[in-house]
Amino acid sequence: MNSKRNDWLAMEDEILLRDCVQDFHKASGHGGQKVNKTSTAVRLTHKPSGVVVSDASNRSQTENRLHALKKLRRQIALEFREEYPSDPDFQFEPIPSVNHARYMFWTANVLDCLAAAAWDRKEAAARLSVTPSKLLRLLYRDSALWQELNRRRMNAGLPPWKGSE
């Protein structure tokens, strides 16, 4: 399955940054005197998708840019849906670590599968070759993914899932 979303998620940082408008500004909040003197906060606007993210968690502009890129990939994975493959030979292995390099690709594909299954956990779990409880645990460990999943379920007129289901 090839899509713009998957291409964006797979791009190297430098290439993805070329598609972004980068804005640097002074951060607000804690950090002492330095926070008001240097423009270390980073805002990225991904031109092809329209996604805007920012980060000001560090005193380093370089570190904030890397964090903003991670946030950009997360937003792309959460927002953009693609058709889930109906090929019975398609195998998608869950990636256990949220720090894995392809975790956002996994996130996007799991949401695609859930959308194709009309947000039904049992049907999606069967398509992903995991048990419904394992799928729930995988989803629950990532709070942003969990919130997006429940937002989409509620938009579809379904009740939100609880972590203890």
N, C-alpha and C. Protein backbone atom coordinates (compact mmCIF):
# COMPACT_ATOMS: atom_id res chain seq x y z
N MET A 1 0.85 -1.17 0.00
CA MET A 1 0.00 0.00 0.00
C MET A 1 0.90 1.23 0.00
N ASN A 2 0.75 2.05 -0.99
CA ASN A 2 1.55 3.25 -1.11
C ASN A 2 0.64 4.47 -1.08
N SER A 3 0.94 5.41 -0.27
CA SER A 3 0.11 6.61 -0.17
C SER A 3 0.99 7.79 0.19
N LYS A 4 0.43 8.98 0.03
CA LYS A 4 1.17 10.18 0.43
C LYS A 4 1.47 10.14 1.92
N ARG A 5 0.45 9.73 2.70
CA ARG A 5 0.64 9.67 4.15
C ARG A 5 1.81 8.76 4.50
N ASN A 6 1.84 7.58 3.93
CA ASN A 6 2.91 6.64 4.23
C ASN A 6 4.26 7.17 3.75
N ASP A 7 4.26 7.88 2.61
CA ASP A 7 5.50 8.49 2.13
C ASP A 7 5.99 9.55 3.12
N TRP A 8 5.07 10.39 3.62
CA TRP A 8 5.46 11.41 4.59
C TRP A 8 6.03 10.78 5.86
N LEU A 9 5.40 9.69 6.32
CA LEU A 9 5.86 9.04 7.55
C LEU A 9 7.24 8.39 7.36
N ALA A 10 7.54 7.95 6.14
CA ALA A 10 8.80 7.26 5.88
C ALA A 10 9.95 8.20 5.52
N MET A 11 9.65 9.46 5.24
CA MET A 11 10.69 10.41 4.82
C MET A 11 11.72 10.63 5.90
N GLU A 12 12.96 10.85 5.45
CA GLU A 12 14.00 11.26 6.38
C GLU A 12 13.69 12.68 6.85
N ASP A 13 14.19 13.03 8.01
CA ASP A 13 13.89 14.33 8.60
C ASP A 13 14.18 15.50 7.66
N GLU A 14 15.35 15.47 7.01
CA GLU A 14 15.74 16.59 6.15
C GLU A 14 14.77 16.76 4.99
N ILE A 15 14.32 15.65 4.43
CA ILE A 15 13.40 15.71 3.29
C ILE A 15 12.03 16.20 3.74
N LEU A 16 11.56 15.71 4.88
CA LEU A 16 10.27 16.14 5.42
C LEU A 16 10.31 17.64 5.74
N LEU A 17 11.43 18.11 6.26
CA LEU A 17 11.56 19.54 6.59
C LEU A 17 11.48 20.43 5.36
N ARG A 18 11.88 19.91 4.20
CA ARG A 18 11.80 20.71 2.97
C ARG A 18 10.36 21.04 2.60
N ASP A 19 9.42 20.18 3.04
CA ASP A 19 7.99 20.41 2.76
C ASP A 19 7.33 21.26 3.84
N CYS A 20 8.13 21.77 4.77
CA CYS A 20 7.57 22.52 5.90
C CYS A 20 8.02 23.97 5.88
N VAL A 21 7.14 24.84 6.37
CA VAL A 21 7.52 26.21 6.68
C VAL A 21 7.94 26.17 8.14
N GLN A 22 9.16 26.64 8.41
CA GLN A 22 9.68 26.63 9.77
C GLN A 22 9.63 28.05 10.33
N ASP A 23 9.00 28.19 11.49
CA ASP A 23 8.96 29.48 12.18
C ASP A 23 9.66 29.30 13.52
N PHE A 24 10.48 30.27 13.87
CA PHE A 24 11.17 30.25 15.15
C PHE A 24 10.71 31.45 15.94
N HIS A 25 10.44 31.23 17.21
CA HIS A 25 9.95 32.32 18.05
C HIS A 25 10.41 32.11 19.48
N LYS A 26 10.20 33.13 20.27
CA LYS A 26 10.57 33.03 21.68
C LYS A 26 9.52 32.23 22.42
N ALA A 27 9.97 31.35 23.26
CA ALA A 27 9.06 30.51 24.04
C ALA A 27 8.54 31.30 25.23
N SER A 28 7.41 30.86 25.71
CA SER A 28 6.88 31.47 26.92
C SER A 28 6.91 30.44 28.03
N GLY A 29 6.75 30.88 29.23
CA GLY A 29 6.69 29.95 30.34
C GLY A 29 7.99 29.87 31.10
N HIS A 30 8.21 28.74 31.77
CA HIS A 30 9.38 28.55 32.63
C HIS A 30 10.66 28.48 31.80
N GLY A 31 11.76 28.78 32.43
CA GLY A 31 13.04 28.68 31.74
C GLY A 31 13.99 29.79 32.09
N GLY A 32 13.56 30.71 32.89
CA GLY A 32 14.46 31.77 33.32
C GLY A 32 14.62 32.86 32.30
N GLN A 33 15.72 33.60 32.41
CA GLN A 33 15.94 34.76 31.55
C GLN A 33 16.15 34.37 30.09
N LYS A 34 16.80 33.26 29.84
CA LYS A 34 17.14 32.86 28.48
C LYS A 34 15.90 32.66 27.61
N VAL A 35 14.79 32.22 28.19
CA VAL A 35 13.59 31.93 27.41
C VAL A 35 13.06 33.17 26.69
N ASN A 36 13.30 34.34 27.22
CA ASN A 36 12.81 35.56 26.60
C ASN A 36 13.82 36.23 25.67
N LYS A 37 15.02 35.66 25.54
CA LYS A 37 16.07 36.30 24.75
C LYS A 37 16.37 35.58 23.45
N THR A 38 16.09 34.31 23.36
CA THR A 38 16.44 33.56 22.15
C THR A 38 15.21 32.92 21.55
N SER A 39 15.21 32.80 20.25
CA SER A 39 14.08 32.19 19.53
C SER A 39 14.35 30.70 19.35
N THR A 40 14.07 29.93 20.39
CA THR A 40 14.33 28.49 20.32
C THR A 40 13.07 27.68 20.04
N ALA A 41 11.91 28.26 20.23
CA ALA A 41 10.67 27.53 19.96
C ALA A 41 10.52 27.36 18.45
N VAL A 42 10.00 26.20 18.03
CA VAL A 42 9.89 25.86 16.61
C VAL A 42 8.44 25.55 16.28
N ARG A 43 7.95 26.13 15.18
CA ARG A 43 6.63 25.81 14.65
C ARG A 43 6.83 25.31 13.23
N LEU A 44 6.30 24.13 12.94
CA LEU A 44 6.39 23.56 11.60
C LEU A 44 5.01 23.53 10.98
N THR A 45 4.90 24.00 9.76
CA THR A 45 3.67 23.92 8.99
C THR A 45 3.96 23.04 7.78
N HIS A 46 3.40 21.85 7.76
CA HIS A 46 3.61 20.92 6.65
C HIS A 46 2.70 21.34 5.51
N LYS A 47 3.29 21.90 4.46
CA LYS A 47 2.51 22.47 3.37
C LYS A 47 1.58 21.47 2.67
N PRO A 48 2.04 20.26 2.34
CA PRO A 48 1.13 19.34 1.63
C PRO A 48 -0.10 18.91 2.43
N SER A 49 0.05 18.76 3.76
CA SER A 49 -1.07 18.27 4.57
C SER A 49 -1.79 19.37 5.33
N GLY A 50 -1.12 20.49 5.56
CA GLY A 50 -1.71 21.57 6.35
C GLY A 50 -1.56 21.38 7.84
N VAL A 51 -0.88 20.33 8.28
CA VAL A 51 -0.69 20.07 9.71
C VAL A 51 0.31 21.06 10.28
N VAL A 52 -0.03 21.63 11.44
CA VAL A 52 0.84 22.59 12.12
C VAL A 52 1.15 22.04 13.51
N VAL A 53 2.44 21.99 13.84
CA VAL A 53 2.87 21.54 15.17
C VAL A 53 3.93 22.49 15.68
N SER A 54 4.13 22.51 16.98
CA SER A 54 5.19 23.34 17.54
C SER A 54 5.78 22.65 18.76
N ASP A 55 7.00 23.07 19.10
CA ASP A 55 7.64 22.54 20.28
C ASP A 55 8.55 23.60 20.87
N ALA A 56 8.51 23.72 22.18
CA ALA A 56 9.37 24.66 22.90
C ALA A 56 9.83 24.02 24.20
N SER A 57 10.00 22.72 24.18
CA SER A 57 10.31 22.00 25.42
C SER A 57 11.76 22.11 25.86
N ASN A 58 12.66 22.52 24.95
CA ASN A 58 14.08 22.62 25.28
C ASN A 58 14.61 24.01 25.00
N ARG A 59 15.82 24.26 25.47
CA ARG A 59 16.47 25.53 25.17
C ARG A 59 17.17 25.49 23.82
N SER A 60 17.24 24.32 23.24
CA SER A 60 17.93 24.14 21.96
C SER A 60 16.93 24.14 20.80
N GLN A 61 17.18 25.01 19.83
CA GLN A 61 16.33 25.06 18.65
C GLN A 61 16.40 23.74 17.88
N THR A 62 17.58 23.14 17.82
CA THR A 62 17.77 21.87 17.11
C THR A 62 16.95 20.76 17.76
N GLU A 63 17.00 20.68 19.09
CA GLU A 63 16.21 19.67 19.80
C GLU A 63 14.71 19.90 19.60
N ASN A 64 14.30 21.15 19.67
CA ASN A 64 12.88 21.47 19.48
C ASN A 64 12.42 21.13 18.07
N ARG A 65 13.28 21.30 17.07
CA ARG A 65 12.93 20.94 15.70
C ARG A 65 12.73 19.43 15.60
N LEU A 66 13.60 18.65 16.23
CA LEU A 66 13.45 17.19 16.21
C LEU A 66 12.16 16.75 16.90
N HIS A 67 11.85 17.38 18.03
CA HIS A 67 10.60 17.07 18.73
C HIS A 67 9.38 17.45 17.89
N ALA A 68 9.48 18.60 17.21
CA ALA A 68 8.37 19.04 16.34
C ALA A 68 8.18 18.06 15.18
N LEU A 69 9.27 17.53 14.64
CA LEU A 69 9.15 16.54 13.56
C LEU A 69 8.44 15.28 14.04
N LYS A 70 8.76 14.85 15.25
CA LYS A 70 8.07 13.68 15.82
C LYS A 70 6.58 13.98 15.99
N LYS A 71 6.27 15.17 16.46
CA LYS A 71 4.87 15.57 16.62
C LYS A 71 4.17 15.64 15.27
N LEU A 72 4.87 16.11 14.25
CA LEU A 72 4.30 16.19 12.91
C LEU A 72 3.96 14.80 12.39
N ARG A 73 4.88 13.87 12.55
CA ARG A 73 4.62 12.50 12.10
C ARG A 73 3.42 11.90 12.87
N ARG A 74 3.35 12.17 14.16
CA ARG A 74 2.24 11.67 14.96
C ARG A 74 0.91 12.22 14.45
N GLN A 75 0.85 13.54 14.20
CA GLN A 75 -0.39 14.14 13.71
C GLN A 75 -0.79 13.59 12.35
N ILE A 76 0.18 13.40 11.48
CA ILE A 76 -0.11 12.82 10.17
C ILE A 76 -0.67 11.42 10.33
N ALA A 77 -0.04 10.62 11.19
CA ALA A 77 -0.50 9.24 11.42
C ALA A 77 -1.91 9.22 12.01
N LEU A 78 -2.21 10.16 12.90
CA LEU A 78 -3.52 10.18 13.55
C LEU A 78 -4.62 10.75 12.65
N GLU A 79 -4.30 11.71 11.81
CA GLU A 79 -5.33 12.42 11.05
C GLU A 79 -5.69 11.80 9.71
N PHE A 80 -4.73 11.23 9.01
CA PHE A 80 -4.96 10.81 7.63
C PHE A 80 -5.23 9.31 7.53
N ARG A 81 -6.40 8.95 7.01
CA ARG A 81 -6.79 7.56 6.85
C ARG A 81 -6.61 7.13 5.39
N GLU A 82 -6.23 5.88 5.23
CA GLU A 82 -6.09 5.24 3.93
C GLU A 82 -6.93 3.96 3.94
N GLU A 83 -7.19 3.43 2.77
CA GLU A 83 -7.94 2.18 2.69
C GLU A 83 -7.08 1.04 3.23
N TYR A 84 -7.66 0.26 4.13
CA TYR A 84 -6.92 -0.86 4.70
C TYR A 84 -6.96 -2.02 3.70
N PRO A 85 -5.84 -2.71 3.48
CA PRO A 85 -5.81 -3.79 2.49
C PRO A 85 -6.79 -4.90 2.82
N SER A 86 -7.54 -5.34 1.83
CA SER A 86 -8.47 -6.45 2.04
C SER A 86 -7.85 -7.77 1.62
N ASP A 87 -6.60 -7.75 1.19
CA ASP A 87 -5.89 -8.95 0.77
C ASP A 87 -5.72 -9.89 1.97
N PRO A 88 -6.22 -11.13 1.88
CA PRO A 88 -6.12 -12.05 3.02
C PRO A 88 -4.67 -12.43 3.35
N ASP A 89 -3.74 -12.25 2.42
CA ASP A 89 -2.34 -12.57 2.68
C ASP A 89 -1.59 -11.43 3.35
N PHE A 90 -2.24 -10.25 3.47
CA PHE A 90 -1.59 -9.12 4.10
C PHE A 90 -1.39 -9.41 5.59
N GLN A 91 -0.17 -9.32 6.04
CA GLN A 91 0.15 -9.54 7.45
C GLN A 91 0.74 -8.26 8.03
N PHE A 92 0.19 -7.83 9.14
CA PHE A 92 0.73 -6.66 9.80
C PHE A 92 1.06 -7.02 11.22
N GLU A 93 2.33 -6.98 11.55
CA GLU A 93 2.79 -7.34 12.89
C GLU A 93 2.78 -6.12 13.80
N PRO A 94 2.16 -6.21 14.94
CA PRO A 94 2.22 -5.08 15.89
C PRO A 94 3.65 -4.83 16.36
N ILE A 95 4.02 -3.58 16.44
CA ILE A 95 5.33 -3.20 16.95
C ILE A 95 5.16 -2.88 18.42
N PRO A 96 5.88 -3.57 19.29
CA PRO A 96 5.63 -3.41 20.71
C PRO A 96 6.11 -2.10 21.33
N SER A 97 7.07 -1.42 20.75
CA SER A 97 7.65 -0.24 21.39
C SER A 97 7.16 1.05 20.74
N VAL A 98 6.71 1.98 21.57
CA VAL A 98 6.30 3.28 21.04
C VAL A 98 7.50 4.09 20.56
N ASN A 99 8.71 3.66 20.90
CA ASN A 99 9.93 4.34 20.45
C ASN A 99 10.50 3.74 19.17
N HIS A 100 9.85 2.73 18.66
CA HIS A 100 10.33 2.08 17.43
C HIS A 100 10.26 3.07 16.27
N ALA A 101 11.19 2.98 15.36
CA ALA A 101 11.27 3.93 14.24
C ALA A 101 10.02 3.92 13.37
N ARG A 102 9.32 2.78 13.28
CA ARG A 102 8.15 2.70 12.41
C ARG A 102 6.84 2.70 13.20
N TYR A 103 6.90 3.18 14.43
CA TYR A 103 5.70 3.17 15.27
C TYR A 103 4.57 4.02 14.69
N MET A 104 4.89 5.18 14.11
CA MET A 104 3.83 6.03 13.55
C MET A 104 3.18 5.37 12.33
N PHE A 105 3.95 4.63 11.56
CA PHE A 105 3.39 3.86 10.45
C PHE A 105 2.43 2.80 11.00
N TRP A 106 2.84 2.15 12.08
CA TRP A 106 1.99 1.15 12.73
C TRP A 106 0.70 1.80 13.23
N THR A 107 0.83 2.95 13.89
CA THR A 107 -0.33 3.69 14.40
C THR A 107 -1.32 4.00 13.29
N ALA A 108 -0.81 4.52 12.17
CA ALA A 108 -1.67 4.88 11.04
C ALA A 108 -2.39 3.64 10.51
N ASN A 109 -1.68 2.53 10.40
CA ASN A 109 -2.30 1.32 9.86
C ASN A 109 -3.32 0.71 10.81
N VAL A 110 -3.07 0.78 12.10
CA VAL A 110 -4.05 0.27 13.06
C VAL A 110 -5.33 1.11 13.00
N LEU A 111 -5.19 2.42 12.91
CA LEU A 111 -6.37 3.27 12.78
C LEU A 111 -7.09 3.01 11.46
N ASP A 112 -6.34 2.75 10.39
CA ASP A 112 -6.96 2.39 9.11
C ASP A 112 -7.78 1.11 9.26
N CYS A 113 -7.21 0.13 9.96
CA CYS A 113 -7.90 -1.15 10.18
C CYS A 113 -9.16 -0.95 11.01
N LEU A 114 -9.06 -0.17 12.08
CA LEU A 114 -10.23 0.09 12.92
C LEU A 114 -11.31 0.83 12.14
N ALA A 115 -10.91 1.78 11.30
CA ALA A 115 -11.89 2.51 10.49
C ALA A 115 -12.57 1.56 9.52
N ALA A 116 -11.80 0.65 8.91
CA ALA A 116 -12.37 -0.32 7.97
C ALA A 116 -13.32 -1.29 8.68
N ALA A 117 -13.08 -1.51 9.97
CA ALA A 117 -13.92 -2.40 10.77
C ALA A 117 -15.02 -1.63 11.49
N ALA A 118 -15.29 -0.41 11.06
CA ALA A 118 -16.32 0.45 11.67
C ALA A 118 -16.09 0.60 13.18
N TRP A 119 -14.81 0.69 13.58
CA TRP A 119 -14.38 0.91 14.95
C TRP A 119 -14.75 -0.23 15.88
N ASP A 120 -14.96 -1.43 15.33
CA ASP A 120 -15.27 -2.62 16.12
C ASP A 120 -13.96 -3.30 16.50
N ARG A 121 -13.71 -3.41 17.79
CA ARG A 121 -12.45 -3.96 18.29
C ARG A 121 -12.25 -5.41 17.90
N LYS A 122 -13.30 -6.22 17.98
CA LYS A 122 -13.14 -7.65 17.68
C LYS A 122 -12.81 -7.88 16.21
N GLU A 123 -13.51 -7.18 15.33
CA GLU A 123 -13.24 -7.34 13.90
C GLU A 123 -11.84 -6.85 13.56
N ALA A 124 -11.45 -5.70 14.10
CA ALA A 124 -10.11 -5.16 13.83
C ALA A 124 -9.03 -6.09 14.37
N ALA A 125 -9.24 -6.62 15.56
CA ALA A 125 -8.26 -7.54 16.15
C ALA A 125 -8.09 -8.77 15.28
N ALA A 126 -9.19 -9.30 14.75
CA ALA A 126 -9.10 -10.46 13.87
C ALA A 126 -8.30 -10.13 12.61
N ARG A 127 -8.53 -8.95 12.06
CA ARG A 127 -7.78 -8.54 10.86
C ARG A 127 -6.29 -8.35 11.16
N LEU A 128 -5.98 -7.94 12.38
CA LEU A 128 -4.58 -7.71 12.77
C LEU A 128 -3.92 -8.96 13.37
N SER A 129 -4.68 -10.05 13.48
CA SER A 129 -4.18 -11.32 14.03
C SER A 129 -3.71 -11.18 15.48
N VAL A 130 -4.48 -10.44 16.28
CA VAL A 130 -4.23 -10.34 17.71
C VAL A 130 -5.56 -10.53 18.43
N THR A 131 -5.52 -10.77 19.71
CA THR A 131 -6.76 -10.89 20.46
C THR A 131 -7.31 -9.48 20.72
N PRO A 132 -8.62 -9.37 20.93
CA PRO A 132 -9.18 -8.04 21.24
C PRO A 132 -8.55 -7.40 22.47
N SER A 133 -8.24 -8.19 23.50
CA SER A 133 -7.63 -7.61 24.69
C SER A 133 -6.20 -7.14 24.43
N LYS A 134 -5.46 -7.86 23.59
CA LYS A 134 -4.11 -7.44 23.22
C LYS A 134 -4.17 -6.12 22.43
N LEU A 135 -5.13 -6.03 21.51
CA LEU A 135 -5.29 -4.80 20.74
C LEU A 135 -5.60 -3.63 21.67
N LEU A 136 -6.47 -3.86 22.63
CA LEU A 136 -6.83 -2.81 23.59
C LEU A 136 -5.60 -2.35 24.37
N ARG A 137 -4.78 -3.31 24.82
CA ARG A 137 -3.56 -2.95 25.56
C ARG A 137 -2.59 -2.16 24.69
N LEU A 138 -2.45 -2.56 23.42
CA LEU A 138 -1.55 -1.85 22.51
C LEU A 138 -2.01 -0.43 22.28
N LEU A 139 -3.31 -0.23 22.16
CA LEU A 139 -3.86 1.10 21.92
C LEU A 139 -3.78 1.97 23.17
N TYR A 140 -4.05 1.38 24.33
CA TYR A 140 -4.15 2.13 25.57
C TYR A 140 -2.81 2.69 26.04
N ARG A 141 -1.71 2.08 25.63
CA ARG A 141 -0.38 2.53 26.09
C ARG A 141 0.01 3.88 25.51
N ASP A 142 -0.66 4.31 24.44
CA ASP A 142 -0.34 5.57 23.79
C ASP A 142 -1.53 6.51 23.97
N SER A 143 -1.40 7.50 24.86
CA SER A 143 -2.54 8.34 25.21
C SER A 143 -3.08 9.14 24.02
N ALA A 144 -2.20 9.62 23.14
CA ALA A 144 -2.67 10.38 21.98
C ALA A 144 -3.46 9.49 21.03
N LEU A 145 -2.99 8.27 20.82
CA LEU A 145 -3.70 7.31 19.97
C LEU A 145 -5.05 6.95 20.60
N TRP A 146 -5.05 6.73 21.90
CA TRP A 146 -6.27 6.37 22.63
C TRP A 146 -7.32 7.49 22.52
N GLN A 147 -6.88 8.73 22.69
CA GLN A 147 -7.80 9.86 22.60
C GLN A 147 -8.35 10.02 21.18
N GLU A 148 -7.49 9.85 20.18
CA GLU A 148 -7.95 9.96 18.79
C GLU A 148 -8.94 8.84 18.46
N LEU A 149 -8.65 7.65 18.92
CA LEU A 149 -9.54 6.52 18.69
C LEU A 149 -10.92 6.80 19.29
N ASN A 150 -10.97 7.24 20.52
CA ASN A 150 -12.25 7.52 21.17
C ASN A 150 -12.96 8.72 20.55
N ARG A 151 -12.20 9.71 20.07
CA ARG A 151 -12.82 10.83 19.37
C ARG A 151 -13.51 10.34 18.09
N ARG A 152 -12.83 9.47 17.37
CA ARG A 152 -13.42 8.94 16.13
C ARG A 152 -14.61 8.03 16.42
N ARG A 153 -14.53 7.25 17.48
CA ARG A 153 -15.67 6.41 17.86
C ARG A 153 -16.88 7.27 18.21
N MET A 154 -16.66 8.33 18.95
CA MET A 154 -17.77 9.20 19.33
C MET A 154 -18.35 9.91 18.10
N ASN A 155 -17.49 10.31 17.16
CA ASN A 155 -17.97 10.92 15.92
C ASN A 155 -18.81 9.94 15.11
N ALA A 156 -18.55 8.65 15.27
CA ALA A 156 -19.31 7.61 14.57
C ALA A 156 -20.56 7.21 15.37
N GLY A 157 -20.83 7.89 16.49
CA GLY A 157 -21.99 7.59 17.31
C GLY A 157 -21.81 6.40 18.23
N LEU A 158 -20.56 6.01 18.48
CA LEU A 158 -20.25 4.88 19.36
C LEU A 158 -19.72 5.39 20.69
N PRO A 159 -19.91 4.62 21.75
CA PRO A 159 -19.39 5.06 23.05
C PRO A 159 -17.86 4.93 23.08
N PRO A 160 -17.20 5.75 23.88
CA PRO A 160 -15.75 5.60 23.97
C PRO A 160 -15.38 4.32 24.70
N TRP A 161 -14.20 3.81 24.36
CA TRP A 161 -13.71 2.63 25.07
C TRP A 161 -13.09 3.06 26.38
N LYS A 162 -13.15 2.16 27.34
CA LYS A 162 -12.49 2.36 28.62
C LYS A 162 -11.26 1.46 28.63
N GLY A 163 -10.24 1.88 29.32
CA GLY A 163 -9.00 1.12 29.36
C GLY A 163 -9.14 -0.24 30.01
N SER A 164 -10.19 -0.46 30.76
CA SER A 164 -10.36 -1.72 31.48
C SER A 164 -11.35 -2.67 30.81
N GLU A 165 -11.73 -2.41 29.57
CA GLU A 165 -12.72 -3.27 28.90
C GLU A 165 -12.16 -4.64 28.62
